[in-house]
Amino acid sequence: MRHTASVITYRIAEAAEILAVSDDTVRRWVDAGRLPSQRVGGRTTVAGTDLAELAEHLAETGEVTERDRTRASSVSARNRMSGIVTRVKRDHVMAQVEMICGPYRVVSLMSSDAADELGLEPGARAIASVKSTNVIVEVPS
């Protein structure tokens, strides 16, 4: 993941990991124009916001199901799910953060300060930790 002029970008392999599909699937989507991309330094990258939009669409339509996933389940014994932020709604006190983690849509409520400190915005990569009825969001290091 790279930040350039406040735009988060991902390489093909990173996008594939976030969407829980193969690198080849992401390349096919790029070649077909389904996922906009840019060439930067000889590498193909996709904007985080475009990736978030596609992740949301895939989750809503069920197009990528659990059996289509090419990687091991993204949920560990500690219920941590890697994903991408698709929407952040803020007011002065609270923020509602929506994420797509593989085929799952996850919503977390947190303080606006916490969302700001984590740099959560559409296209940002994040990890949702689920415990009972609470969802805790953190960013990967």
Protein backbone atom coordinates (compact mmCIF):
# COMPACT_ATOMS: atom_id res chain seq x y z
CA MET A 1 0.00 0.00 0.00
CA ARG A 2 1.32 3.47 -0.90
CA HIS A 3 0.06 6.99 -0.19
CA THR A 4 0.67 9.54 -2.94
CA ALA A 5 -0.95 12.97 -2.80
CA SER A 6 -3.54 11.53 -0.38
CA VAL A 7 -4.44 8.69 -2.77
CA ILE A 8 -3.96 5.16 -1.42
CA THR A 9 -2.81 2.71 -4.09
CA TYR A 10 -2.32 -1.06 -4.12
CA ARG A 11 -0.28 -3.39 -6.33
CA ILE A 12 -2.10 -6.25 -8.06
CA ALA A 13 -1.01 -8.84 -5.47
CA GLU A 14 -2.17 -6.61 -2.60
CA ALA A 15 -5.53 -6.03 -4.29
CA ALA A 16 -5.91 -9.79 -4.80
CA GLU A 17 -5.17 -10.44 -1.13
CA ILE A 18 -7.74 -7.86 -0.02
CA LEU A 19 -10.42 -9.26 -2.34
CA ALA A 20 -9.44 -12.88 -1.52
CA VAL A 21 -9.04 -13.80 -5.19
CA SER A 22 -6.03 -14.73 -7.31
CA ASP A 23 -3.63 -12.22 -8.84
CA ASP A 24 -4.75 -13.46 -12.26
CA THR A 25 -8.38 -12.65 -11.47
CA VAL A 26 -7.45 -9.07 -10.57
CA ARG A 27 -5.35 -8.78 -13.77
CA ARG A 28 -8.33 -10.00 -15.84
CA TRP A 29 -10.59 -7.41 -14.18
CA VAL A 30 -8.01 -4.69 -14.92
CA ASP A 31 -7.60 -5.83 -18.54
CA ALA A 32 -11.39 -5.90 -18.99
CA GLY A 33 -11.71 -2.38 -17.59
CA ARG A 34 -13.71 -3.56 -14.60
CA LEU A 35 -11.07 -2.27 -12.17
CA PRO A 36 -9.37 1.01 -13.17
CA SER A 37 -5.58 0.97 -12.90
CA GLN A 38 -2.49 3.08 -13.45
CA ARG A 39 1.10 2.20 -14.39
CA VAL A 40 3.55 3.59 -11.84
CA GLY A 41 7.24 2.80 -12.17
CA GLY A 42 6.52 -0.17 -14.40
CA ARG A 43 3.99 -1.64 -11.96
CA THR A 44 0.23 -1.72 -12.27
CA THR A 45 -1.54 -0.14 -9.31
CA VAL A 46 -5.17 0.43 -8.41
CA ALA A 47 -6.59 3.28 -6.34
CA GLY A 48 -7.90 2.25 -2.95
CA THR A 49 -11.25 3.93 -3.59
CA ASP A 50 -11.72 1.92 -6.82
CA LEU A 51 -10.77 -1.27 -4.99
CA ALA A 52 -13.21 -0.46 -2.17
CA GLU A 53 -16.00 0.12 -4.70
CA LEU A 54 -15.34 -3.24 -6.38
CA ALA A 55 -15.11 -5.04 -3.01
CA GLU A 56 -18.46 -3.59 -2.00
CA HIS A 57 -20.02 -4.67 -5.32
CA LEU A 58 -18.62 -8.20 -5.00
CA ALA A 59 -19.96 -8.53 -1.45
CA GLU A 60 -23.40 -7.15 -2.39
CA THR A 61 -23.84 -9.41 -5.41
CA GLY A 62 -22.22 -12.51 -3.89
CA GLU A 63 -20.20 -12.82 -7.09
CA VAL A 64 -17.15 -14.02 -5.20
CA THR A 65 -18.33 -16.71 -2.81
CA GLU A 66 -16.42 -18.61 -0.16
CA ARG A 67 -15.79 -21.49 -2.60
CA ASP A 68 -14.22 -19.05 -5.10
CA ARG A 69 -11.66 -17.81 -2.62
CA THR A 70 -8.15 -18.93 -3.49
CA ARG A 71 -6.52 -18.20 -0.17
CA ALA A 72 -7.03 -19.63 3.30
CA SER A 73 -9.84 -18.09 5.29
CA SER A 74 -9.05 -14.58 6.46
CA VAL A 75 -10.57 -15.26 9.86
CA SER A 76 -8.15 -16.56 12.48
CA ALA A 77 -8.98 -18.17 15.79
CA ARG A 78 -8.92 -14.64 17.20
CA ASN A 79 -11.55 -13.46 14.68
CA ARG A 80 -9.36 -10.95 12.83
CA MET A 81 -10.44 -10.15 9.29
CA SER A 82 -8.30 -8.20 6.85
CA GLY A 83 -10.24 -5.95 4.50
CA ILE A 84 -10.72 -2.58 2.91
CA VAL A 85 -12.65 0.45 4.14
CA THR A 86 -15.57 1.26 1.83
CA ARG A 87 -17.27 4.13 3.69
CA VAL A 88 -16.70 6.37 6.71
CA LYS A 89 -19.49 8.55 8.11
CA ARG A 90 -18.34 11.04 10.77
CA ASP A 91 -19.87 13.61 13.05
CA HIS A 92 -18.19 15.57 15.85
CA VAL A 93 -18.10 12.63 18.25
CA MET A 94 -18.60 9.29 16.45
CA ALA A 95 -17.64 7.59 13.19
CA GLN A 96 -19.30 4.68 11.42
CA VAL A 97 -16.72 2.68 9.47
CA GLU A 98 -17.87 0.17 6.86
CA MET A 99 -15.47 -2.47 5.54
CA ILE A 100 -15.50 -5.40 3.16
CA CYS A 101 -13.51 -8.34 4.52
CA GLY A 102 -13.56 -11.08 1.88
CA PRO A 103 -17.25 -11.87 1.32
CA TYR A 104 -18.30 -10.12 4.53
CA ARG A 105 -19.51 -6.57 5.19
CA VAL A 106 -18.40 -5.32 8.61
CA VAL A 107 -19.55 -2.10 10.30
CA SER A 108 -17.86 -0.57 13.33
CA LEU A 109 -18.77 2.43 15.47
CA MET A 110 -15.86 4.30 17.06
CA SER A 111 -14.93 7.79 18.10
CA SER A 112 -14.20 10.24 15.30
CA ASP A 113 -10.81 10.83 16.90
CA ALA A 114 -9.97 7.10 16.64
CA ALA A 115 -10.99 6.99 12.98
CA ASP A 116 -8.86 10.08 12.29
CA GLU A 117 -5.84 8.65 14.15
CA LEU A 118 -6.06 5.42 12.15
CA GLY A 119 -6.40 7.35 8.90
CA LEU A 120 -9.56 5.46 7.97
CA GLU A 121 -11.00 6.55 4.63
CA PRO A 122 -12.47 4.69 1.65
CA GLY A 123 -9.73 2.58 0.10
CA ALA A 124 -7.64 2.23 3.25
CA ARG A 125 -6.65 -1.26 4.28
CA ALA A 126 -7.72 -2.24 7.81
CA ILE A 127 -8.24 -5.23 10.07
CA ALA A 128 -11.53 -5.86 11.87
CA SER A 129 -11.21 -7.70 15.17
CA VAL A 130 -14.53 -9.14 16.25
CA LYS A 131 -15.20 -9.92 19.90
CA SER A 132 -18.73 -10.73 20.96
CA THR A 133 -20.86 -7.84 19.68
CA ASN A 134 -17.96 -5.39 19.34
CA VAL A 135 -15.85 -4.80 16.24
CA ILE A 136 -12.43 -3.24 16.78
CA VAL A 137 -10.66 -1.80 13.70
CA GLU A 138 -6.89 -1.44 13.41
CA VAL A 139 -4.52 -0.84 10.54
CA PRO A 140 -1.87 -3.39 9.53
CA SER A 141 1.72 -2.49 10.31
